[in-house]
Protein backbone atom coordinates (compact mmCIF):
# COMPACT_ATOMS: atom_id res chain seq x y z
CA MET A 1 78.29 -23.91 47.32
CA THR A 2 75.06 -21.65 47.53
CA GLU A 3 73.86 -18.63 45.56
CA ASP A 4 73.18 -17.44 49.10
CA GLN A 5 76.99 -18.13 50.36
CA LEU A 6 78.16 -16.67 47.33
CA LYS A 7 76.43 -13.53 47.41
CA ARG A 8 77.37 -12.71 51.55
CA TYR A 9 81.11 -12.91 49.84
CA LEU A 10 80.49 -10.91 47.38
CA LYS A 11 79.31 -8.22 49.29
CA TYR A 12 82.35 -8.79 52.11
CA LEU A 13 84.54 -8.21 48.76
CA GLN A 14 82.52 -4.87 47.86
CA SER A 15 82.69 -3.58 50.88
CA HIS A 16 87.12 -3.84 50.70
CA GLY A 17 86.11 -1.20 47.69
CA TYR A 18 86.76 -4.68 45.01
CA THR A 19 84.67 -3.93 41.73
CA ALA A 20 82.79 -7.85 41.66
CA GLU A 21 80.03 -9.46 40.48
CA ILE A 22 78.90 -13.37 40.72
CA GLU A 23 79.71 -15.26 37.35
CA ASN A 24 79.08 -19.10 36.61
CA GLY A 25 79.33 -19.83 40.07
CA ASN A 26 82.60 -18.15 41.05
CA ILE A 27 83.31 -14.33 41.70
CA LYS A 28 84.88 -12.48 39.16
CA VAL A 29 86.78 -9.55 40.27
CA SER A 30 88.29 -6.70 38.01
CA VAL A 31 91.33 -4.85 39.08
CA THR A 32 93.63 -2.08 37.66
CA ILE A 33 97.00 -3.00 38.26
CA GLU A 34 99.96 -0.36 37.51
CA ASN A 35 97.24 0.70 34.67
CA ILE A 36 96.86 -2.27 33.45
CA ASN A 37 92.92 -3.73 33.26
CA VAL A 38 93.15 -7.03 34.63
CA ILE A 39 89.70 -8.92 35.32
CA LEU A 40 89.98 -12.63 38.00
CA LYS A 41 88.09 -15.43 38.46
CA CYS A 42 87.94 -16.54 42.01
CA ALA A 43 86.63 -20.47 42.20
CA LEU A 44 85.88 -21.80 44.94
CA SER A 45 85.05 -25.79 45.41
CA ARG A 46 82.28 -27.71 47.13
CA PHE A 47 84.86 -27.97 49.83
CA PHE A 48 85.50 -24.70 51.03
CA PRO A 49 86.48 -23.35 53.09
CA TYR A 50 88.71 -26.94 53.72
CA GLU A 51 90.32 -25.61 50.95
CA ILE A 52 91.77 -22.28 49.74
CA PRO A 53 90.41 -21.26 46.83
CA GLN A 54 91.76 -20.71 43.19
CA ILE A 55 92.56 -17.33 41.26
CA PHE A 56 92.47 -17.72 36.87
CA ILE A 57 93.59 -14.99 35.13
CA SER A 58 91.50 -14.27 31.82
CA GLU A 59 93.42 -14.62 28.29
CA GLU A 60 92.89 -11.35 27.74
CA SER A 61 94.30 -10.44 30.86
CA LYS A 62 97.39 -12.31 30.22
CA LYS A 63 97.89 -11.10 27.34
CA ALA A 64 97.94 -7.54 28.05
CA LEU A 65 100.68 -7.88 31.21
CA PRO A 66 104.11 -8.88 30.77
CA LYS A 67 106.04 -12.64 30.81
CA MET A 68 106.02 -12.89 34.68
CA PRO A 69 106.24 -16.19 37.09
CA HIS A 70 104.01 -18.26 38.91
CA PHE A 71 101.06 -18.10 36.23
CA HIS A 72 100.25 -22.47 35.20
CA THR A 73 99.21 -22.89 32.01
CA ASP A 74 95.36 -23.69 32.77
CA GLY A 75 95.65 -19.64 33.80
CA SER A 76 95.12 -20.10 37.54
CA ILE A 77 97.71 -17.88 39.71
CA CYS A 78 100.79 -19.96 42.15
CA ILE A 79 99.87 -18.14 45.12
CA PHE A 80 100.52 -20.36 48.07
CA ASP A 81 102.12 -23.71 49.27
CA GLU A 82 99.50 -25.69 49.62
CA GLY A 83 101.95 -27.58 52.00
CA LYS A 84 102.40 -24.57 54.40
CA VAL A 85 99.69 -22.92 54.55
CA ILE A 86 96.63 -23.81 56.74
CA PRO A 87 92.96 -21.84 55.61
CA ASN A 88 91.17 -19.55 57.74
CA ILE A 89 88.50 -22.24 58.48
CA ASN A 90 86.41 -19.75 60.87
CA HIS A 91 86.72 -16.49 59.02
CA PRO A 92 85.70 -18.31 55.08
CA GLU A 93 85.17 -14.27 54.04
CA SER A 94 88.81 -13.43 55.20
CA LEU A 95 90.35 -16.32 53.41
CA ILE A 96 88.72 -14.99 49.33
CA LEU A 97 89.91 -11.76 50.30
CA TYR A 98 93.68 -12.17 51.51
CA THR A 99 93.93 -15.05 48.54
CA ILE A 100 93.06 -12.43 45.79
CA SER A 101 94.81 -9.52 47.21
CA SER A 102 98.12 -12.09 47.36
CA ALA A 103 97.41 -12.53 43.66
CA ILE A 104 96.81 -9.06 42.73
CA SER A 105 100.64 -8.25 44.62
CA ILE A 106 101.87 -11.43 42.68
CA ILE A 107 100.78 -9.45 39.38
CA GLU A 108 102.01 -6.33 40.52
CA ASP A 109 105.39 -7.72 41.49
CA GLY A 110 105.71 -9.42 37.99
CA ILE A 111 104.71 -6.08 36.00
CA GLN A 112 107.62 -4.06 38.65
CA GLY A 113 110.32 -6.87 37.59
CA LYS A 114 110.10 -7.79 40.72
CA ASN A 115 109.44 -11.85 41.13
CA LYS A 116 111.23 -11.94 37.60
CA HIS A 117 113.95 -14.45 39.34
CA ASP A 118 111.18 -16.87 40.05
CA PHE A 119 110.90 -18.54 36.84
CA ILE A 120 111.76 -21.77 38.17
CA ASP A 121 108.45 -21.96 38.88
CA GLU A 122 106.88 -21.03 35.40
CA PHE A 123 110.11 -24.47 34.39
CA LEU A 124 108.01 -27.11 36.52
CA GLU A 125 104.86 -26.14 35.23
CA TYR A 126 106.01 -26.04 31.96
CA TRP A 127 107.94 -29.32 32.23
CA SER A 128 104.78 -31.39 34.06
CA THR A 129 102.41 -30.41 31.24
CA LYS A 130 104.86 -30.40 27.71
CA GLY A 131 106.62 -33.50 29.28
CA LEU A 132 105.72 -36.15 26.50
CA LEU A 133 108.30 -38.61 28.33
CA ASN A 134 108.51 -39.29 31.97
CA ALA A 135 111.79 -40.19 33.08
CA GLN A 136 113.48 -41.47 36.86
CA THR A 137 116.95 -40.79 37.59
CA TYR A 138 118.79 -42.53 40.28
CA ILE A 139 121.64 -39.96 40.18
CA GLU A 140 123.33 -39.97 43.32
CA ARG A 141 125.81 -36.47 42.54
CA ILE A 142 123.34 -33.96 41.34
CA ASN A 143 125.86 -30.92 41.54
CA ILE A 144 128.71 -32.09 39.15
CA ALA A 145 128.15 -33.16 35.00
CA GLN A 146 129.13 -36.77 34.05
CA SER A 147 127.93 -38.92 31.59
CA ILE A 148 124.55 -41.61 32.33
CA GLN A 149 123.13 -44.07 30.73
CA TRP A 150 119.54 -44.09 30.05
CA CYS A 151 116.89 -46.94 28.77
CA PHE A 152 113.04 -47.10 27.99
CA LYS A 153 111.05 -49.39 30.42
CA ASP A 154 107.59 -49.13 28.58
CA GLU A 155 106.71 -45.64 28.07
CA ASP A 156 109.02 -43.88 30.69
CA ILE A 157 112.94 -43.86 31.14
CA ILE A 158 115.37 -44.71 34.33
CA ILE A 159 118.65 -42.82 34.70
CA ALA A 160 121.51 -43.76 36.25
CA GLU A 161 125.20 -43.14 36.32
CA SER A 162 126.62 -46.79 34.73
CA ARG A 163 125.52 -48.91 33.19
CA LYS A 164 125.86 -51.55 35.57
CA ARG A 165 123.20 -49.70 38.27
CA LEU A 166 121.48 -49.32 35.16
CA LYS A 167 120.81 -52.67 34.60
CA GLU A 168 120.34 -53.23 38.69
CA ILE A 169 117.57 -50.66 38.78
CA TYR A 170 116.00 -51.83 35.82
CA TYR A 171 115.72 -55.43 37.14
CA ALA A 172 114.59 -54.10 40.66
CA ILE A 173 112.22 -52.37 39.12
CA SER A 174 111.19 -55.16 36.34
CA GLY A 175 112.18 -58.40 37.58
CA LYS A 176 113.53 -58.48 33.57
CA ASN A 177 117.25 -58.13 32.12
CA ILE A 178 117.78 -54.72 30.17
CA GLY A 179 117.97 -54.10 27.22
CA LYS A 180 119.20 -51.35 25.07
CA CYS A 181 121.14 -49.03 26.74
CA ASN A 182 121.45 -45.51 25.36
CA LYS A 183 124.54 -42.30 26.31
CA GLY A 184 123.78 -39.62 28.11
CA LEU A 185 124.42 -36.36 29.58
CA PHE A 186 123.80 -34.35 33.54
CA ILE A 187 124.23 -31.23 33.44
CA PRO A 188 124.27 -28.56 36.59
CA ILE A 189 122.58 -25.10 35.71
CA ASP A 190 122.48 -21.46 37.57
CA GLY A 191 118.94 -21.53 38.03
CA SER A 192 118.93 -17.94 40.21
CA ILE A 193 119.66 -15.83 37.68
CA ILE A 194 117.47 -18.36 34.33
CA GLU A 195 114.77 -15.54 33.08
CA ASP A 196 114.14 -17.97 29.61
CA ILE A 197 112.21 -21.43 29.67
CA PRO A 198 113.38 -23.54 26.53
CA LYS A 199 111.48 -24.75 24.36
CA THR A 200 112.48 -26.67 21.38
CA ASP A 201 116.20 -27.82 20.80
CA ILE A 202 117.75 -24.12 19.61
CA ASP A 203 117.03 -22.73 23.16
CA ILE A 204 118.43 -25.66 25.07
CA VAL A 205 121.93 -24.83 23.49
CA LYS A 206 121.20 -21.13 24.45
CA ILE A 207 120.13 -21.90 28.14
CA ILE A 208 122.88 -23.69 28.69
CA GLU A 209 125.56 -22.09 26.97
CA LYS A 210 124.18 -18.66 29.21
CA TYR A 211 123.63 -20.25 32.07
CA SER A 212 125.75 -23.38 32.74
CA SER A 213 129.14 -23.56 33.69
CA TYR A 214 129.45 -26.61 31.87
CA LYS A 215 129.09 -26.02 27.99
CA ILE A 216 131.90 -27.36 26.71
CA GLN A 217 131.10 -30.40 27.74
CA TYR A 218 127.80 -30.42 26.36
CA ASN A 219 129.11 -29.10 23.34
CA SER A 220 132.03 -32.04 23.40
CA PHE A 221 129.13 -34.79 23.93
CA MET A 222 126.77 -34.05 21.69
CA GLN A 223 129.38 -33.15 18.64
CA LYS A 224 129.97 -37.59 19.19
CA ASN A 225 126.07 -38.37 19.85
CA ILE A 226 125.01 -36.03 17.56
CA GLU A 227 123.67 -38.60 15.43
CA ASN A 228 121.64 -40.75 18.12
CA PRO A 229 119.32 -39.14 20.66
CA SER A 230 120.71 -38.15 23.12
CA LEU A 231 119.09 -37.44 26.68
CA VAL A 232 120.33 -34.14 28.40
CA ILE A 233 119.18 -33.87 31.98
CA LEU A 234 119.41 -30.30 33.59
CA ASN A 235 119.75 -29.97 36.99
CA ILE A 236 118.14 -26.43 37.74
CA VAL A 237 120.31 -24.89 41.24
CA MET A 238 118.63 -22.45 43.14
CA PRO A 239 118.80 -21.48 46.80
CA GLU A 240 116.25 -23.30 48.41
CA GLY A 241 117.26 -26.34 46.39
CA ASN A 242 117.35 -28.25 43.39
CA MET A 243 115.32 -28.85 39.73
CA ILE A 244 115.44 -31.71 37.07
CA VAL A 245 114.49 -31.57 33.96
CA GLY A 246 115.29 -33.19 30.26
CA TRP A 247 115.10 -32.82 27.06
CA LEU A 248 115.88 -35.67 24.66
CA HIS A 249 117.43 -34.04 21.15
CA PRO A 250 116.63 -35.98 18.33
CA GLY A 251 118.73 -38.01 16.47
CA ILE A 252 119.79 -35.98 13.67
CA ASP A 253 121.77 -36.19 10.03
CA ILE A 254 125.53 -33.73 9.91
CA PRO A 255 124.39 -30.84 7.51
CA LYS A 256 126.55 -29.81 5.00
CA GLY A 257 129.43 -27.76 5.16
CA PHE A 258 130.70 -29.43 8.62
CA ARG A 259 132.53 -32.08 9.78
CA LYS A 260 131.56 -34.50 12.25
CA GLY A 261 132.69 -33.62 15.90
CA HIS A 262 132.36 -29.39 14.01
CA VAL A 263 129.20 -28.87 14.00
CA ASN A 264 127.11 -25.67 14.47
CA LEU A 265 124.83 -27.10 17.12
CA LYS A 266 121.70 -24.34 16.84
CA ILE A 267 122.22 -24.62 13.08
CA ALA A 268 122.25 -28.06 12.90
CA PHE A 269 118.85 -27.99 14.99
CA SER A 270 117.40 -25.88 12.85
CA MET A 271 117.82 -27.79 9.75
CA THR A 272 115.98 -30.72 10.53
CA LYS A 273 112.01 -31.29 10.92
CA ASP A 274 112.90 -33.99 14.30
CA LYS A 275 111.78 -32.11 17.05
CA GLY A 276 113.13 -32.78 20.37
CA ILE A 277 110.75 -33.54 23.82
CA ALA A 278 110.83 -32.72 27.04
CA VAL A 279 111.00 -34.89 29.54
CA SER A 280 109.64 -34.60 32.97
CA VAL A 281 112.02 -36.37 35.63
CA GLU A 282 111.73 -37.57 38.92
CA ASN A 283 114.32 -37.61 41.22
CA CYS A 284 114.40 -41.08 42.90
CA HIS A 285 117.58 -41.33 44.39
CA GLN A 286 117.89 -42.64 48.17
CA ASN A 287 119.17 -39.06 48.66
CA ARG A 288 116.52 -37.48 47.56
CA LEU A 289 113.59 -40.22 48.84
CA PHE A 290 115.32 -39.89 52.75
CA THR A 291 114.97 -35.92 52.27
CA ARG A 292 111.40 -35.16 51.00
CA GLY A 293 110.21 -38.22 52.31
CA GLY A 294 111.54 -38.53 55.79
CA ASP A 295 113.51 -36.62 58.80
CA GLY A 296 116.85 -35.98 55.47
CA LYS A 297 119.21 -38.28 57.43
CA LYS A 298 120.17 -41.72 56.37
CA ASP A 299 121.68 -43.60 59.36
CA ILE A 300 125.33 -45.34 59.66
CA TRP A 301 124.61 -48.78 58.45
CA ASN A 302 124.61 -48.21 54.84
CA LYS A 303 125.51 -51.94 54.20
CA THR A 304 124.21 -54.83 56.77
CA ALA A 305 124.42 -58.55 56.68
CA ILE A 306 121.49 -60.27 57.82
CA ILE A 307 122.19 -63.93 59.03
CA GLY A 308 118.71 -65.62 59.29
CA CYS A 309 115.76 -64.16 57.86
CA GLY A 310 113.04 -65.64 59.42
CA SER A 311 110.42 -63.84 61.08
CA VAL A 312 112.94 -62.43 63.52
CA GLY A 313 115.84 -61.63 60.26
CA SER A 314 112.77 -60.53 58.07
CA PHE A 315 111.33 -57.28 60.66
CA ILE A 316 115.14 -56.57 60.74
CA VAL A 317 115.30 -55.98 57.18
CA ASP A 318 111.86 -54.23 56.91
CA ALA A 319 112.98 -51.58 59.81
CA LEU A 320 116.36 -50.76 58.20
CA LYS A 321 114.33 -49.98 54.37
CA TYR A 322 113.28 -47.44 56.95
CA TYR A 323 116.15 -46.47 58.36
CA GLY A 324 117.92 -46.01 54.68
CA THR A 325 120.61 -48.86 54.30
CA GLU A 326 121.19 -49.40 51.01
CA GLU A 327 123.10 -52.46 50.79
CA PHE A 328 121.72 -55.96 52.09
CA ILE A 329 123.40 -59.09 52.57
CA LEU A 330 120.85 -62.20 52.97
CA VAL A 331 121.78 -65.37 54.25
CA ASP A 332 119.12 -68.17 54.95
CA ASN A 333 118.82 -71.25 53.50
CA GLU A 334 115.11 -72.24 54.22
CA VAL A 335 112.49 -71.21 52.21
CA LEU A 336 109.32 -69.32 53.39
CA GLN A 337 106.00 -72.65 54.02
CA TYR A 338 102.39 -70.97 54.83
CA GLU A 339 102.78 -71.13 58.44
CA ASN A 340 105.49 -68.51 58.26
CA ILE A 341 103.35 -65.82 57.35
CA ALA A 342 101.87 -64.55 60.15
CA ARG A 343 105.70 -63.50 61.44
CA HIS A 344 107.30 -62.50 58.27
CA THR A 345 106.91 -59.65 56.49
CA ALA A 346 107.00 -61.11 53.58
CA GLY A 347 103.79 -62.96 53.96
CA TYR A 348 101.53 -65.00 51.62
CA LEU A 349 103.57 -64.11 48.40
CA GLY A 350 106.37 -64.73 49.80
CA VAL A 351 105.18 -68.67 50.25
CA GLY A 352 107.12 -71.68 47.98
CA ILE A 353 110.19 -68.95 47.75
CA SER A 354 113.78 -68.80 49.95
CA LYS A 355 113.12 -66.86 52.75
CA VAL A 356 117.11 -64.81 51.46
CA LYS A 357 114.86 -63.97 47.44
CA ALA A 358 111.34 -63.07 48.73
CA LEU A 359 113.06 -60.29 51.40
CA ASP A 360 115.14 -59.14 47.98
CA PHE A 361 111.85 -58.78 46.09
CA LEU A 362 109.80 -57.07 48.78
CA LEU A 363 113.06 -55.26 49.09
CA ALA A 364 112.95 -54.14 45.56
CA LYS A 365 109.66 -53.56 45.29
CA HIS A 366 110.04 -50.90 48.19
CA ASN A 367 112.98 -48.61 46.78
CA PRO A 368 114.93 -49.58 43.61
CA ASN A 369 118.34 -48.18 44.99
CA ILE A 370 118.30 -50.59 47.62
CA ILE A 371 121.37 -53.80 46.89
CA CYS A 372 120.37 -56.77 47.92
CA GLU A 373 123.33 -60.16 47.88
CA THR A 374 121.85 -63.17 48.86
CA TYR A 375 122.63 -65.99 49.52
CA LYS A 376 120.45 -69.53 49.94
CA GLU A 377 123.15 -71.23 51.84
CA ASN A 378 124.08 -73.10 55.93
CA ALA A 379 124.94 -70.48 57.51
CA HIS A 380 127.97 -72.21 58.58
CA ALA A 381 128.95 -72.20 55.36
CA VAL A 382 128.32 -68.85 53.85
CA ILE A 383 130.59 -67.51 57.58
CA GLU A 384 133.03 -69.72 57.14
CA ASP A 385 134.10 -69.62 52.97
CA ARG A 386 132.86 -65.71 52.70
CA THR A 387 133.94 -63.85 55.59
CA ASP A 388 134.96 -60.62 52.93
CA VAL A 389 131.31 -60.84 51.87
CA ILE A 390 130.07 -60.49 55.54
CA ASN A 391 133.21 -57.71 56.92
CA SER A 392 132.42 -55.69 53.99
CA CYS A 393 129.13 -54.79 56.23
CA GLU A 394 129.12 -51.74 58.51
CA ILE A 395 127.13 -54.51 60.84
CA ILE A 396 126.35 -58.26 60.95
CA PHE A 397 123.11 -59.29 62.93
CA VAL A 398 122.79 -62.52 63.89
CA ALA A 399 118.64 -63.45 64.00
CA VAL A 400 119.02 -67.42 63.55
CA ALA A 401 118.27 -68.23 67.51
CA SER A 402 120.54 -71.03 66.32
CA VAL A 403 123.36 -71.32 69.80
CA PRO A 404 125.45 -73.67 67.39
CA VAL A 405 125.39 -70.49 64.15
CA GLU A 406 126.00 -68.13 67.17
CA HIS A 407 128.39 -69.98 68.81
CA HIS A 408 130.53 -70.28 65.72
CA ILE A 409 130.42 -66.89 64.54
CA ASN A 410 131.71 -65.74 68.45
CA HIS A 411 134.66 -68.09 67.24
CA LEU A 412 135.15 -67.04 64.32
CA MET A 413 135.78 -62.94 65.85
CA LEU A 414 138.21 -64.53 68.18
CA GLU A 415 140.25 -65.94 65.53
CA GLY A 416 139.71 -61.98 63.84
CA ARG A 417 138.79 -63.35 60.99
CA ILE A 418 135.46 -61.82 61.14
CA THR A 419 136.03 -58.38 62.08
CA LYS A 420 132.69 -56.34 61.49
CA PRO A 421 130.61 -55.68 65.24
CA ILE A 422 128.04 -57.91 65.52
CA VAL A 423 124.26 -58.35 66.88
CA ILE A 424 122.73 -61.25 68.25
CA ILE A 425 119.24 -60.94 68.44
CA TRP A 426 116.68 -63.16 69.44
CA VAL A 427 113.16 -63.44 71.09
CA GLU A 428 111.32 -65.44 74.13
CA PRO A 429 108.09 -67.52 74.56
CA TYR A 430 104.98 -65.05 73.55
CA LEU A 431 107.58 -62.03 72.99
CA VAL A 432 107.34 -61.69 76.72
CA GLY A 433 111.00 -60.16 76.26
CA GLY A 434 113.36 -59.82 74.01
CA HIS A 435 117.35 -59.88 73.29
CA ALA A 436 120.94 -58.40 71.85
CA LEU A 437 124.52 -58.45 72.04
CA VAL A 438 126.15 -55.96 70.68
CA ILE A 439 129.79 -57.27 70.23
CA LYS A 440 132.41 -54.33 68.93
CA LYS A 441 135.70 -56.31 71.03
CA LYS A 442 136.99 -59.57 71.05
CA GLN A 443 134.55 -60.97 73.97
CA ASP A 444 134.22 -65.05 74.26
CA LEU A 445 130.34 -64.75 75.07
CA TYR A 446 129.94 -68.61 75.90
CA LYS A 447 132.37 -68.12 78.94
CA GLU A 448 131.18 -65.19 80.29
CA ILE A 449 127.78 -65.19 79.89
CA PHE A 450 126.15 -68.00 79.22
CA GLU A 451 125.85 -71.40 81.04
CA GLN A 452 128.37 -73.87 80.11
CA TYR A 453 126.77 -77.03 79.17
CA SER A 454 123.26 -75.38 78.97
CA PHE A 455 123.88 -72.49 77.08
CA GLU A 456 121.59 -70.94 78.86
CA TYR A 457 121.83 -66.84 78.52
CA LYS A 458 122.53 -65.36 81.99
CA TYR A 459 120.14 -62.47 82.01
CA ASN A 460 116.52 -64.77 80.57
CA ILE A 461 113.64 -63.19 81.28
CA VAL A 462 111.33 -66.31 81.58
CA GLN A 463 111.97 -69.79 83.40
CA ASN A 464 112.91 -72.52 81.52
CA GLY A 465 111.68 -70.81 78.51
CA CYS A 466 111.71 -74.28 76.71
CA SER A 467 109.06 -75.95 78.31
CA TYR A 468 106.48 -72.76 76.18
CA LEU A 469 107.62 -74.78 72.91
CA LYS A 470 105.25 -76.11 71.17
CA ARG A 471 104.31 -79.01 68.30
CA GLU A 472 102.00 -79.00 66.00
CA ALA A 473 100.45 -82.47 65.60
CA GLY A 474 102.37 -84.18 63.08
CA CYS A 475 104.67 -81.58 62.84
CA GLN A 476 108.73 -82.83 63.19
CA SER A 477 109.76 -79.54 64.29
CA THR A 478 109.33 -76.91 67.53
CA TYR A 479 107.98 -73.52 67.30
CA MET A 480 108.23 -70.54 70.09
CA PRO A 481 104.91 -69.01 70.13
CA TYR A 482 104.71 -65.04 69.50
CA SER A 483 103.53 -62.14 67.56
CA GLY A 484 104.52 -60.25 65.29
CA PHE A 485 102.64 -57.15 66.42
CA MET A 486 105.40 -57.64 69.00
CA LEU A 487 107.99 -58.64 67.68
CA GLN A 488 107.64 -55.73 64.96
CA GLN A 489 107.83 -53.46 68.72
CA PHE A 490 110.14 -55.39 69.48
CA VAL A 491 112.58 -54.83 66.82
CA CYS A 492 112.24 -50.97 66.41
CA ARG A 493 112.64 -50.86 69.69
CA MET A 494 116.09 -52.27 69.72
CA LEU A 495 117.44 -51.03 66.74
CA ASP A 496 116.26 -47.37 67.67
CA HIS A 497 118.17 -48.14 71.65
CA ILE A 498 121.14 -49.60 69.39
CA LEU A 499 121.94 -46.82 67.21
CA SER A 500 121.41 -44.30 69.78
CA ASN A 501 122.24 -45.19 72.83
CA CYS A 502 125.47 -48.08 72.16
CA TRP A 503 126.21 -47.95 68.62
CA ASN A 504 129.35 -44.24 69.12
CA GLN A 505 129.83 -45.63 72.65
CA ARG A 506 132.71 -48.13 73.66
CA GLY A 507 132.49 -51.68 74.61
CA ASN A 508 130.53 -54.40 74.20
CA TYR A 509 126.31 -54.79 75.26
CA ALA A 510 123.81 -56.75 76.57
CA LEU A 511 120.53 -55.69 75.69
CA THR A 512 117.10 -56.45 77.23
CA TRP A 513 113.37 -55.77 76.01
CA CYS A 514 110.43 -56.18 78.24
CA GLY A 515 107.14 -57.15 77.07
CA LYS A 516 103.98 -57.74 78.61
CA LEU A 517 105.61 -58.99 81.60
CA THR A 518 102.16 -58.06 83.75
CA GLU A 519 100.12 -60.00 81.47
CA ALA A 520 102.87 -62.78 81.58
CA LYS A 521 102.29 -62.82 85.40
CA LYS A 522 98.55 -63.02 85.08
CA GLN A 523 99.07 -66.10 83.04
CA GLY A 524 101.09 -67.98 85.45
CA MET A 525 104.42 -67.39 83.79
CA ARG A 526 107.54 -68.25 85.71
CA ILE A 527 109.78 -65.03 85.96
CA ASN A 528 113.46 -64.84 86.99
CA LYS A 529 113.33 -62.38 90.40
CA GLU A 530 115.56 -59.87 88.78
CA TYR A 531 112.23 -58.82 86.35
CA GLU A 532 109.92 -58.73 88.89
CA ASN A 533 109.22 -55.51 89.38
CA VAL A 534 110.28 -53.96 85.78
CA GLU A 535 107.53 -52.11 84.25
CA ASP A 536 106.20 -53.57 80.49
CA TYR A 537 107.84 -52.13 77.53
CA SER A 538 111.32 -51.68 79.31
CA MET A 539 114.82 -51.61 78.39
CA ILE A 540 117.53 -52.88 80.15
CA THR A 541 121.01 -51.89 79.01
CA ARG A 542 124.38 -53.80 80.48
CA ARG A 543 127.95 -53.19 79.92
CA ILE A 544 129.63 -56.79 79.11
CA ASP A 545 133.05 -56.76 78.51
């Protein structure tokens, strides 16, 4: 920021009636608000006007004002939600004027008590700056009082609804078994009427007594656990949402004159030298993640089985984790090899590990909310001997590219042993196209849409697809050439189409996704007649039942 620019901005403010001057590279503004003299500092970053100015209030001015929200501990005033406000880049002078006038309006409202219910911002500021501990909570139901379990991981705290869930999350995050688990309490509080910020153990007791309908549960919990460190999580419920904060009460001796279970908490905390600690809490549960980091929706496949965790299966898993699937059953008996990494989501880090464990590891590191059950077993054995596990899912994806396995699954469905919808999914050479059979009711696929002896699919795109299979020198197995990039496009498009167009409709469907058909023709690939005039990247839906 040049001196000339600052002078221009200063002159503009003065022309609008402000008493202002330049001080240490900032603009100092003196105003009288409700008969109180207030000094503000307008700080312009080197990226102004692309960044909104910060307004600070002098320490002397802040002391002269009544207690009010929207003041940060560093003296800055919370004026705008920067996620919503776009700075007026073309008129920097107006941006400065508007920011200063907005700060003055906030102070006026604070003096007059108009924004006294905005103390939720003070809560957030206090806990983010004073919290000596950080915590991650994976609790789903945040609007009821409930017992919780927590443990330390390094210097942070992990919180869950049960010991079992805590162990799962801890292992997903650290790759280690959990040590000591501790008891805690989760309490909702009506934040719309809060005017006080608790800063001591006694304050916590008072605020729960005053603003929460669960004070009896809190008192009962504390009476039982007063001699141990006790974590209390507060869900501050506001009309616009929730804010979760925590407090770690110290373990204290029961004061003389009180029996265990009948302790006056305020007296007990006033008599101890140990002090509680503010805990900054991050809500990491799936529900919050898909509200804050998505569109707020999780699709209906909460629990999914993937039979075959090679390239196609791995991309299905990768896509479903973004859809919001929380539980996976993974089945594959193969180990990830170097030649797999170009089109497998586990990549180089998964080489030498079973494909199911490689995906399990990736899912845990991506989102600890996800629960994974892995079976490094022959697919025939799993579908035959563990049908109860397979039937516990909302949907079963079969991505093995193996006619015997697909036929076996179809047979079990016809017998009524597999009862959940099945999607059989595979691709053609060079990903000229890919297919999915969405089977929601019994149908003998191998009598109706596959050739009786060759098992060739009725709606193939490429003629004689087997002729495009390849083999490396010295290799004992063939492989189908296609890129991971095209595979990702196919899987995402296919899953979206199943959800949007087939899942809530009656019947069974055969879906065909067409890739770069024009390029395939140029390369001399023989395309079946019904696809000759189909446009690239088309999706074809056929009702087959």
